Amino acid sequence: MNDIEEIREELVSGGYLRDRNKKGNKKKKKNQLPSLQVFTSTDGTEIYVGKNNLQNEYLTNRLANSNDTWLHTKDIPGSHVVIRSTSFSEKTLEEAAMIAAYYSQAKESSSVPVDYTNIRHVKKPSGAKPGFVIYDNQKTLFVTPSEDLVKTLPSYIKNG
């Protein structure tokens, strides 16, 4: 399922759009896992990115392990980014922060604050919309998004 289909599905489930194909497709879609973009840092560590609420929800609450590192722009809507490793370099952390800033509303800004913490400190409040989380024990990095860096890092799409 591509990003546009996932966003459409989210808008339908939220009641903002009507379902174009109401006949029995619900079961199939419920079991289908969202696709995620996976970057490989310069030291070979995988960095997962959720680009919409459904992908963010799946990445943060289902796929990531408790010791993985979660990143998100501070107080700015954007992607959830997860470093899927317990040991990684400062360069990987900086690249992941750059990706989080690039896939946020602060894409064109400079010195963007990006919070990071272990997944075990990220919680979804009960009744919250998909992708909404609260977190603590975070540290903050300041990065300036670089499209050149994001485009040069190897990446692929992982389905579910």
N, C-alpha and C. Protein backbone atom coordinates (compact mmCIF):
# COMPACT_ATOMS: atom_id res chain seq x y z
N MET A 1 0.86 -1.18 0.00
CA MET A 1 0.00 0.00 0.00
C MET A 1 0.90 1.24 0.00
N ASN A 2 0.65 2.20 -0.89
CA ASN A 2 1.51 3.36 -0.93
C ASN A 2 1.02 4.46 0.02
N ASP A 3 1.82 5.51 0.17
CA ASP A 3 1.52 6.57 1.13
C ASP A 3 0.15 7.20 0.89
N ILE A 4 -0.18 7.46 -0.37
CA ILE A 4 -1.45 8.12 -0.69
C ILE A 4 -2.63 7.24 -0.29
N GLU A 5 -2.55 5.93 -0.57
CA GLU A 5 -3.63 5.02 -0.18
C GLU A 5 -3.78 4.98 1.33
N GLU A 6 -2.66 4.99 2.06
CA GLU A 6 -2.72 4.94 3.52
C GLU A 6 -3.35 6.21 4.08
N ILE A 7 -3.02 7.36 3.50
CA ILE A 7 -3.61 8.63 3.96
C ILE A 7 -5.10 8.64 3.66
N ARG A 8 -5.49 8.17 2.46
CA ARG A 8 -6.91 8.09 2.09
C ARG A 8 -7.66 7.20 3.09
N GLU A 9 -7.07 6.04 3.41
CA GLU A 9 -7.71 5.11 4.36
C GLU A 9 -7.89 5.77 5.72
N GLU A 10 -6.88 6.53 6.15
CA GLU A 10 -6.96 7.22 7.43
C GLU A 10 -8.07 8.28 7.41
N LEU A 11 -8.20 9.01 6.31
CA LEU A 11 -9.25 10.02 6.19
C LEU A 11 -10.64 9.38 6.16
N VAL A 12 -10.77 8.21 5.52
CA VAL A 12 -12.04 7.49 5.50
C VAL A 12 -12.39 7.03 6.91
N SER A 13 -11.41 6.44 7.62
CA SER A 13 -11.70 5.94 8.97
C SER A 13 -12.01 7.08 9.94
N GLY A 14 -11.47 8.28 9.66
CA GLY A 14 -11.77 9.43 10.51
C GLY A 14 -13.06 10.14 10.12
N GLY A 15 -13.71 9.68 9.03
CA GLY A 15 -14.97 10.26 8.62
C GLY A 15 -14.83 11.51 7.76
N TYR A 16 -13.62 11.82 7.28
CA TYR A 16 -13.40 13.01 6.47
C TYR A 16 -13.67 12.76 4.99
N LEU A 17 -13.56 11.51 4.54
CA LEU A 17 -13.85 11.13 3.17
C LEU A 17 -14.78 9.94 3.19
N ARG A 18 -15.56 9.78 2.10
CA ARG A 18 -16.39 8.58 2.02
C ARG A 18 -15.58 7.46 1.38
N ASP A 19 -15.91 6.25 1.72
CA ASP A 19 -15.21 5.08 1.20
C ASP A 19 -15.66 4.82 -0.23
N ARG A 20 -14.73 4.87 -1.16
CA ARG A 20 -15.07 4.69 -2.58
C ARG A 20 -15.46 3.25 -2.89
N ASN A 21 -14.90 2.31 -2.18
CA ASN A 21 -15.21 0.90 -2.44
C ASN A 21 -15.64 0.24 -1.13
N LYS A 22 -16.93 0.39 -0.83
CA LYS A 22 -17.46 -0.10 0.44
C LYS A 22 -17.67 -1.59 0.50
N LYS A 23 -17.58 -2.29 -0.60
CA LYS A 23 -17.94 -3.71 -0.63
C LYS A 23 -16.82 -4.62 -0.12
N GLY A 24 -16.88 -5.01 1.11
CA GLY A 24 -16.07 -6.10 1.66
C GLY A 24 -14.56 -6.00 1.63
N ASN A 25 -13.97 -4.85 1.39
CA ASN A 25 -12.52 -4.75 1.37
C ASN A 25 -11.93 -4.47 2.75
N LYS A 26 -12.77 -4.30 3.72
CA LYS A 26 -12.30 -3.92 5.06
C LYS A 26 -11.36 -4.96 5.68
N LYS A 27 -11.70 -6.23 5.56
CA LYS A 27 -10.86 -7.27 6.18
C LYS A 27 -9.46 -7.29 5.59
N LYS A 28 -9.37 -7.15 4.30
CA LYS A 28 -8.07 -7.15 3.64
C LYS A 28 -7.21 -6.00 4.13
N LYS A 29 -7.80 -4.81 4.19
CA LYS A 29 -7.04 -3.62 4.58
C LYS A 29 -6.63 -3.66 6.04
N LYS A 30 -7.45 -4.20 6.90
CA LYS A 30 -7.13 -4.24 8.33
C LYS A 30 -5.85 -5.04 8.58
N ASN A 31 -5.66 -6.13 7.84
CA ASN A 31 -4.50 -6.99 8.06
C ASN A 31 -3.26 -6.55 7.29
N GLN A 32 -3.43 -5.60 6.37
CA GLN A 32 -2.30 -5.16 5.57
C GLN A 32 -1.47 -4.17 6.38
N LEU A 33 -0.18 -4.44 6.47
CA LEU A 33 0.71 -3.57 7.24
C LEU A 33 1.21 -2.43 6.36
N PRO A 34 1.39 -1.24 6.96
CA PRO A 34 1.87 -0.12 6.16
C PRO A 34 3.31 -0.32 5.70
N SER A 35 3.64 0.30 4.58
CA SER A 35 5.02 0.24 4.10
C SER A 35 5.81 1.40 4.70
N LEU A 36 7.08 1.17 4.95
CA LEU A 36 7.94 2.18 5.57
C LEU A 36 9.18 2.39 4.71
N GLN A 37 9.69 3.61 4.71
CA GLN A 37 10.96 3.86 4.03
C GLN A 37 12.07 3.57 5.03
N VAL A 38 13.08 2.84 4.57
CA VAL A 38 14.21 2.47 5.43
C VAL A 38 15.48 3.03 4.81
N PHE A 39 16.16 3.89 5.56
CA PHE A 39 17.44 4.45 5.12
C PHE A 39 18.57 3.63 5.74
N THR A 40 19.72 3.63 5.11
CA THR A 40 20.91 3.01 5.68
C THR A 40 21.91 4.13 5.94
N SER A 41 22.30 4.30 7.21
CA SER A 41 23.24 5.37 7.57
C SER A 41 24.62 5.06 7.00
N THR A 42 25.51 6.03 7.08
CA THR A 42 26.85 5.85 6.51
C THR A 42 27.61 4.72 7.21
N ASP A 43 27.26 4.40 8.47
CA ASP A 43 27.93 3.28 9.13
C ASP A 43 27.14 1.96 9.03
N GLY A 44 26.07 1.95 8.20
CA GLY A 44 25.35 0.70 7.93
C GLY A 44 24.16 0.40 8.82
N THR A 45 23.76 1.32 9.68
CA THR A 45 22.63 1.12 10.58
C THR A 45 21.33 1.48 9.88
N GLU A 46 20.27 0.68 10.09
CA GLU A 46 18.98 0.95 9.46
C GLU A 46 18.21 2.01 10.25
N ILE A 47 17.65 2.97 9.49
CA ILE A 47 16.84 4.05 10.06
C ILE A 47 15.47 3.99 9.39
N TYR A 48 14.43 3.70 10.18
CA TYR A 48 13.06 3.55 9.66
C TYR A 48 12.32 4.89 9.79
N VAL A 49 11.49 5.20 8.78
CA VAL A 49 10.74 6.46 8.77
C VAL A 49 9.26 6.18 8.50
N GLY A 50 8.40 6.71 9.37
CA GLY A 50 6.96 6.70 9.14
C GLY A 50 6.56 8.07 8.62
N LYS A 51 5.88 8.11 7.47
CA LYS A 51 5.58 9.41 6.85
C LYS A 51 4.13 9.84 6.98
N ASN A 52 3.30 9.04 7.62
CA ASN A 52 1.92 9.46 7.89
C ASN A 52 1.51 8.83 9.22
N ASN A 53 0.32 9.16 9.70
CA ASN A 53 -0.10 8.70 11.02
C ASN A 53 -0.15 7.17 11.14
N LEU A 54 -0.62 6.48 10.10
CA LEU A 54 -0.69 5.01 10.16
C LEU A 54 0.71 4.40 10.20
N GLN A 55 1.61 4.92 9.38
CA GLN A 55 2.99 4.41 9.39
C GLN A 55 3.66 4.73 10.72
N ASN A 56 3.46 5.95 11.24
CA ASN A 56 4.04 6.33 12.53
C ASN A 56 3.55 5.41 13.65
N GLU A 57 2.25 5.15 13.65
CA GLU A 57 1.64 4.28 14.66
C GLU A 57 2.26 2.88 14.62
N TYR A 58 2.33 2.31 13.42
CA TYR A 58 2.88 0.97 13.26
C TYR A 58 4.36 0.92 13.66
N LEU A 59 5.14 1.88 13.18
CA LEU A 59 6.58 1.91 13.45
C LEU A 59 6.85 2.04 14.95
N THR A 60 6.22 3.01 15.58
CA THR A 60 6.51 3.32 16.98
C THR A 60 5.92 2.32 17.96
N ASN A 61 4.68 1.89 17.72
CA ASN A 61 3.98 1.07 18.71
C ASN A 61 4.03 -0.43 18.45
N ARG A 62 4.39 -0.85 17.24
CA ARG A 62 4.37 -2.29 16.95
C ARG A 62 5.70 -2.85 16.47
N LEU A 63 6.39 -2.12 15.60
CA LEU A 63 7.59 -2.66 14.98
C LEU A 63 8.85 -2.48 15.84
N ALA A 64 9.02 -1.31 16.41
CA ALA A 64 10.26 -0.98 17.12
C ALA A 64 10.38 -1.73 18.45
N ASN A 65 11.62 -2.06 18.80
CA ASN A 65 11.92 -2.70 20.08
C ASN A 65 12.12 -1.64 21.16
N SER A 66 12.00 -2.03 22.43
CA SER A 66 12.05 -1.06 23.52
C SER A 66 13.38 -0.32 23.63
N ASN A 67 14.48 -0.92 23.13
CA ASN A 67 15.77 -0.25 23.20
C ASN A 67 16.15 0.50 21.93
N ASP A 68 15.28 0.46 20.91
CA ASP A 68 15.53 1.24 19.70
C ASP A 68 15.41 2.72 20.06
N THR A 69 16.04 3.58 19.25
CA THR A 69 15.99 5.02 19.50
C THR A 69 14.97 5.68 18.58
N TRP A 70 14.07 6.45 19.19
CA TRP A 70 12.98 7.13 18.49
C TRP A 70 13.32 8.61 18.38
N LEU A 71 13.07 9.20 17.21
CA LEU A 71 13.34 10.63 17.01
C LEU A 71 12.12 11.31 16.41
N HIS A 72 11.94 12.58 16.78
CA HIS A 72 10.83 13.39 16.24
C HIS A 72 11.17 14.86 16.45
N THR A 73 10.76 15.70 15.51
CA THR A 73 10.98 17.13 15.68
C THR A 73 10.22 17.62 16.90
N LYS A 74 10.84 18.50 17.67
CA LYS A 74 10.26 18.99 18.93
C LYS A 74 9.14 19.98 18.64
N ASP A 75 7.92 19.65 19.07
CA ASP A 75 6.74 20.52 18.93
C ASP A 75 6.42 20.91 17.49
N ILE A 76 6.85 20.10 16.52
CA ILE A 76 6.59 20.36 15.11
C ILE A 76 6.05 19.07 14.49
N PRO A 77 4.90 19.13 13.79
CA PRO A 77 4.39 17.91 13.15
C PRO A 77 5.42 17.33 12.17
N GLY A 78 5.54 16.00 12.20
CA GLY A 78 6.50 15.36 11.30
C GLY A 78 6.52 13.86 11.47
N SER A 79 7.48 13.26 10.81
CA SER A 79 7.63 11.81 10.80
C SER A 79 8.22 11.27 12.10
N HIS A 80 7.83 10.03 12.41
CA HIS A 80 8.51 9.30 13.47
C HIS A 80 9.69 8.61 12.80
N VAL A 81 10.85 8.67 13.43
CA VAL A 81 12.05 8.05 12.89
C VAL A 81 12.61 7.13 13.97
N VAL A 82 13.00 5.91 13.58
CA VAL A 82 13.51 4.95 14.55
C VAL A 82 14.84 4.38 14.06
N ILE A 83 15.85 4.43 14.93
CA ILE A 83 17.12 3.77 14.65
C ILE A 83 16.99 2.36 15.23
N ARG A 84 17.01 1.35 14.35
CA ARG A 84 16.77 -0.03 14.78
C ARG A 84 18.06 -0.70 15.23
N SER A 85 18.67 -0.17 16.28
CA SER A 85 19.91 -0.73 16.80
C SER A 85 20.13 -0.19 18.20
N THR A 86 20.82 -0.99 19.04
CA THR A 86 21.13 -0.50 20.38
C THR A 86 22.47 0.22 20.42
N SER A 87 23.33 -0.05 19.43
CA SER A 87 24.61 0.65 19.38
C SER A 87 24.80 1.25 17.99
N PHE A 88 25.05 2.54 17.97
CA PHE A 88 25.24 3.24 16.70
C PHE A 88 26.12 4.46 16.96
N SER A 89 26.66 5.01 15.88
CA SER A 89 27.58 6.13 15.99
C SER A 89 26.84 7.46 16.14
N GLU A 90 27.57 8.49 16.56
CA GLU A 90 27.03 9.84 16.62
C GLU A 90 26.60 10.29 15.22
N LYS A 91 27.34 9.85 14.21
CA LYS A 91 27.02 10.20 12.81
C LYS A 91 25.64 9.65 12.44
N THR A 92 25.34 8.41 12.84
CA THR A 92 24.03 7.82 12.57
C THR A 92 22.94 8.61 13.27
N LEU A 93 23.18 8.98 14.52
CA LEU A 93 22.20 9.78 15.28
C LEU A 93 21.95 11.11 14.57
N GLU A 94 23.01 11.74 14.10
CA GLU A 94 22.88 13.01 13.39
C GLU A 94 22.13 12.84 12.07
N GLU A 95 22.42 11.76 11.35
CA GLU A 95 21.72 11.50 10.08
C GLU A 95 20.24 11.22 10.33
N ALA A 96 19.92 10.47 11.37
CA ALA A 96 18.53 10.18 11.71
C ALA A 96 17.79 11.46 12.10
N ALA A 97 18.45 12.33 12.85
CA ALA A 97 17.86 13.62 13.22
C ALA A 97 17.62 14.47 11.98
N MET A 98 18.56 14.41 11.04
CA MET A 98 18.43 15.14 9.78
C MET A 98 17.21 14.63 8.99
N ILE A 99 17.02 13.31 8.98
CA ILE A 99 15.87 12.71 8.29
C ILE A 99 14.57 13.15 8.97
N ALA A 100 14.55 13.14 10.32
CA ALA A 100 13.35 13.56 11.06
C ALA A 100 13.02 15.02 10.75
N ALA A 101 14.02 15.87 10.68
CA ALA A 101 13.79 17.29 10.38
C ALA A 101 13.34 17.46 8.93
N TYR A 102 13.93 16.70 8.03
CA TYR A 102 13.59 16.80 6.61
C TYR A 102 12.14 16.39 6.35
N TYR A 103 11.68 15.33 7.02
CA TYR A 103 10.30 14.87 6.85
C TYR A 103 9.39 15.47 7.91
N SER A 104 9.49 16.78 8.10
CA SER A 104 8.63 17.50 9.04
C SER A 104 8.22 18.82 8.41
N GLN A 105 7.38 19.56 9.12
CA GLN A 105 6.97 20.87 8.63
C GLN A 105 8.10 21.89 8.71
N ALA A 106 9.21 21.54 9.36
CA ALA A 106 10.36 22.44 9.47
C ALA A 106 11.41 22.16 8.40
N LYS A 107 11.02 21.48 7.33
CA LYS A 107 11.93 21.06 6.26
C LYS A 107 12.78 22.22 5.72
N GLU A 108 12.18 23.40 5.61
CA GLU A 108 12.88 24.55 5.04
C GLU A 108 13.60 25.41 6.10
N SER A 109 13.52 25.01 7.36
CA SER A 109 14.10 25.81 8.45
C SER A 109 15.55 25.44 8.70
N SER A 110 16.19 26.25 9.54
CA SER A 110 17.55 25.89 9.97
C SER A 110 17.54 25.73 11.49
N SER A 111 18.49 24.99 11.99
CA SER A 111 18.61 24.71 13.42
C SER A 111 17.29 24.19 14.01
N VAL A 112 16.83 23.07 13.46
CA VAL A 112 15.56 22.46 13.88
C VAL A 112 15.81 21.57 15.11
N PRO A 113 15.02 21.74 16.19
CA PRO A 113 15.18 20.88 17.36
C PRO A 113 14.56 19.51 17.11
N VAL A 114 15.35 18.46 17.33
CA VAL A 114 14.87 17.08 17.16
C VAL A 114 15.09 16.35 18.48
N ASP A 115 14.01 15.87 19.08
CA ASP A 115 14.10 15.10 20.33
C ASP A 115 14.38 13.64 20.00
N TYR A 116 15.14 12.98 20.89
CA TYR A 116 15.33 11.54 20.75
C TYR A 116 15.33 10.89 22.12
N THR A 117 14.81 9.66 22.14
CA THR A 117 14.73 8.88 23.38
C THR A 117 14.55 7.41 23.00
N ASN A 118 14.69 6.52 23.97
CA ASN A 118 14.41 5.11 23.71
C ASN A 118 12.91 4.91 23.55
N ILE A 119 12.54 3.96 22.71
CA ILE A 119 11.12 3.66 22.45
C ILE A 119 10.37 3.40 23.76
N ARG A 120 11.00 2.80 24.73
CA ARG A 120 10.29 2.47 25.97
C ARG A 120 9.79 3.72 26.71
N HIS A 121 10.29 4.91 26.33
CA HIS A 121 9.84 6.16 26.95
C HIS A 121 8.78 6.86 26.10
N VAL A 122 8.33 6.20 25.02
CA VAL A 122 7.32 6.77 24.13
C VAL A 122 6.01 6.02 24.37
N LYS A 123 4.96 6.75 24.68
CA LYS A 123 3.66 6.13 25.01
C LYS A 123 2.55 6.77 24.19
N LYS A 124 1.57 5.95 23.83
CA LYS A 124 0.37 6.46 23.18
C LYS A 124 -0.71 6.59 24.25
N PRO A 125 -1.23 7.81 24.46
CA PRO A 125 -2.31 7.95 25.45
C PRO A 125 -3.55 7.18 24.98
N SER A 126 -4.31 6.61 25.92
CA SER A 126 -5.50 5.85 25.52
C SER A 126 -6.50 6.80 24.86
N GLY A 127 -7.06 6.33 23.75
CA GLY A 127 -8.04 7.11 23.01
C GLY A 127 -7.44 8.12 22.06
N ALA A 128 -6.10 8.21 21.99
CA ALA A 128 -5.46 9.18 21.10
C ALA A 128 -5.55 8.73 19.65
N LYS A 129 -5.49 9.69 18.74
CA LYS A 129 -5.53 9.38 17.32
C LYS A 129 -4.26 8.63 16.91
N PRO A 130 -4.31 7.90 15.79
CA PRO A 130 -3.12 7.18 15.33
C PRO A 130 -1.94 8.14 15.15
N GLY A 131 -0.77 7.69 15.60
CA GLY A 131 0.44 8.48 15.42
C GLY A 131 0.72 9.47 16.53
N PHE A 132 -0.28 9.74 17.42
CA PHE A 132 -0.06 10.69 18.50
C PHE A 132 0.59 9.98 19.68
N VAL A 133 1.68 10.54 20.20
CA VAL A 133 2.38 9.95 21.34
C VAL A 133 2.83 11.05 22.30
N ILE A 134 3.15 10.62 23.51
CA ILE A 134 3.83 11.48 24.47
C ILE A 134 5.12 10.75 24.85
N TYR A 135 6.12 11.50 25.27
CA TYR A 135 7.41 10.87 25.58
C TYR A 135 8.15 11.67 26.64
N ASP A 136 9.12 11.00 27.27
CA ASP A 136 9.96 11.68 28.26
C ASP A 136 11.38 11.13 28.17
N ASN A 137 12.26 11.60 29.05
CA ASN A 137 13.68 11.21 29.08
C ASN A 137 14.39 11.53 27.77
N GLN A 138 13.92 12.57 27.06
CA GLN A 138 14.49 12.88 25.76
C GLN A 138 15.70 13.81 25.88
N LYS A 139 16.51 13.76 24.85
CA LYS A 139 17.59 14.72 24.64
C LYS A 139 17.26 15.41 23.33
N THR A 140 17.84 16.58 23.10
CA THR A 140 17.52 17.34 21.90
C THR A 140 18.78 17.67 21.11
N LEU A 141 18.70 17.42 19.80
CA LEU A 141 19.76 17.80 18.86
C LEU A 141 19.22 18.93 18.00
N PHE A 142 20.08 19.81 17.53
CA PHE A 142 19.68 20.85 16.59
C PHE A 142 20.36 20.58 15.26
N VAL A 143 19.55 20.42 14.21
CA VAL A 143 20.09 20.12 12.87
C VAL A 143 19.43 21.02 11.84
N THR A 144 20.13 21.21 10.74
CA THR A 144 19.56 21.91 9.59
C THR A 144 19.31 20.87 8.52
N PRO A 145 18.04 20.67 8.12
CA PRO A 145 17.73 19.64 7.13
C PRO A 145 18.51 19.83 5.83
N SER A 146 19.03 18.73 5.31
CA SER A 146 19.78 18.77 4.06
C SER A 146 19.17 17.76 3.09
N GLU A 147 18.52 18.28 2.06
CA GLU A 147 17.92 17.38 1.05
C GLU A 147 19.01 16.55 0.40
N ASP A 148 20.19 17.15 0.17
CA ASP A 148 21.30 16.43 -0.46
C ASP A 148 21.69 15.20 0.36
N LEU A 149 21.81 15.36 1.69
CA LEU A 149 22.19 14.23 2.53
C LEU A 149 21.11 13.16 2.50
N VAL A 150 19.85 13.56 2.65
CA VAL A 150 18.75 12.59 2.69
C VAL A 150 18.67 11.83 1.37
N LYS A 151 18.86 12.53 0.25
CA LYS A 151 18.76 11.88 -1.07
C LYS A 151 19.97 10.97 -1.36
N THR A 152 21.13 11.23 -0.74
CA THR A 152 22.31 10.40 -1.02
C THR A 152 22.37 9.14 -0.14
N LEU A 153 21.65 9.14 0.99
CA LEU A 153 21.64 7.93 1.83
C LEU A 153 20.87 6.84 1.09
N PRO A 154 21.41 5.62 1.05
CA PRO A 154 20.66 4.53 0.40
C PRO A 154 19.36 4.26 1.15
N SER A 155 18.29 3.99 0.40
CA SER A 155 17.02 3.68 1.05
C SER A 155 16.21 2.72 0.20
N TYR A 156 15.25 2.06 0.84
CA TYR A 156 14.32 1.18 0.15
C TYR A 156 13.00 1.21 0.90
N ILE A 157 11.95 0.70 0.26
CA ILE A 157 10.63 0.64 0.89
C ILE A 157 10.43 -0.79 1.42
N LYS A 158 10.11 -0.86 2.73
CA LYS A 158 9.84 -2.14 3.37
C LYS A 158 8.33 -2.26 3.55
N ASN A 159 7.76 -3.30 2.96
CA ASN A 159 6.32 -3.52 3.10
C ASN A 159 6.04 -4.34 4.34
N GLY A 160 5.40 -3.68 5.32
CA GLY A 160 5.03 -4.34 6.57
C GLY A 160 6.22 -4.83 7.24
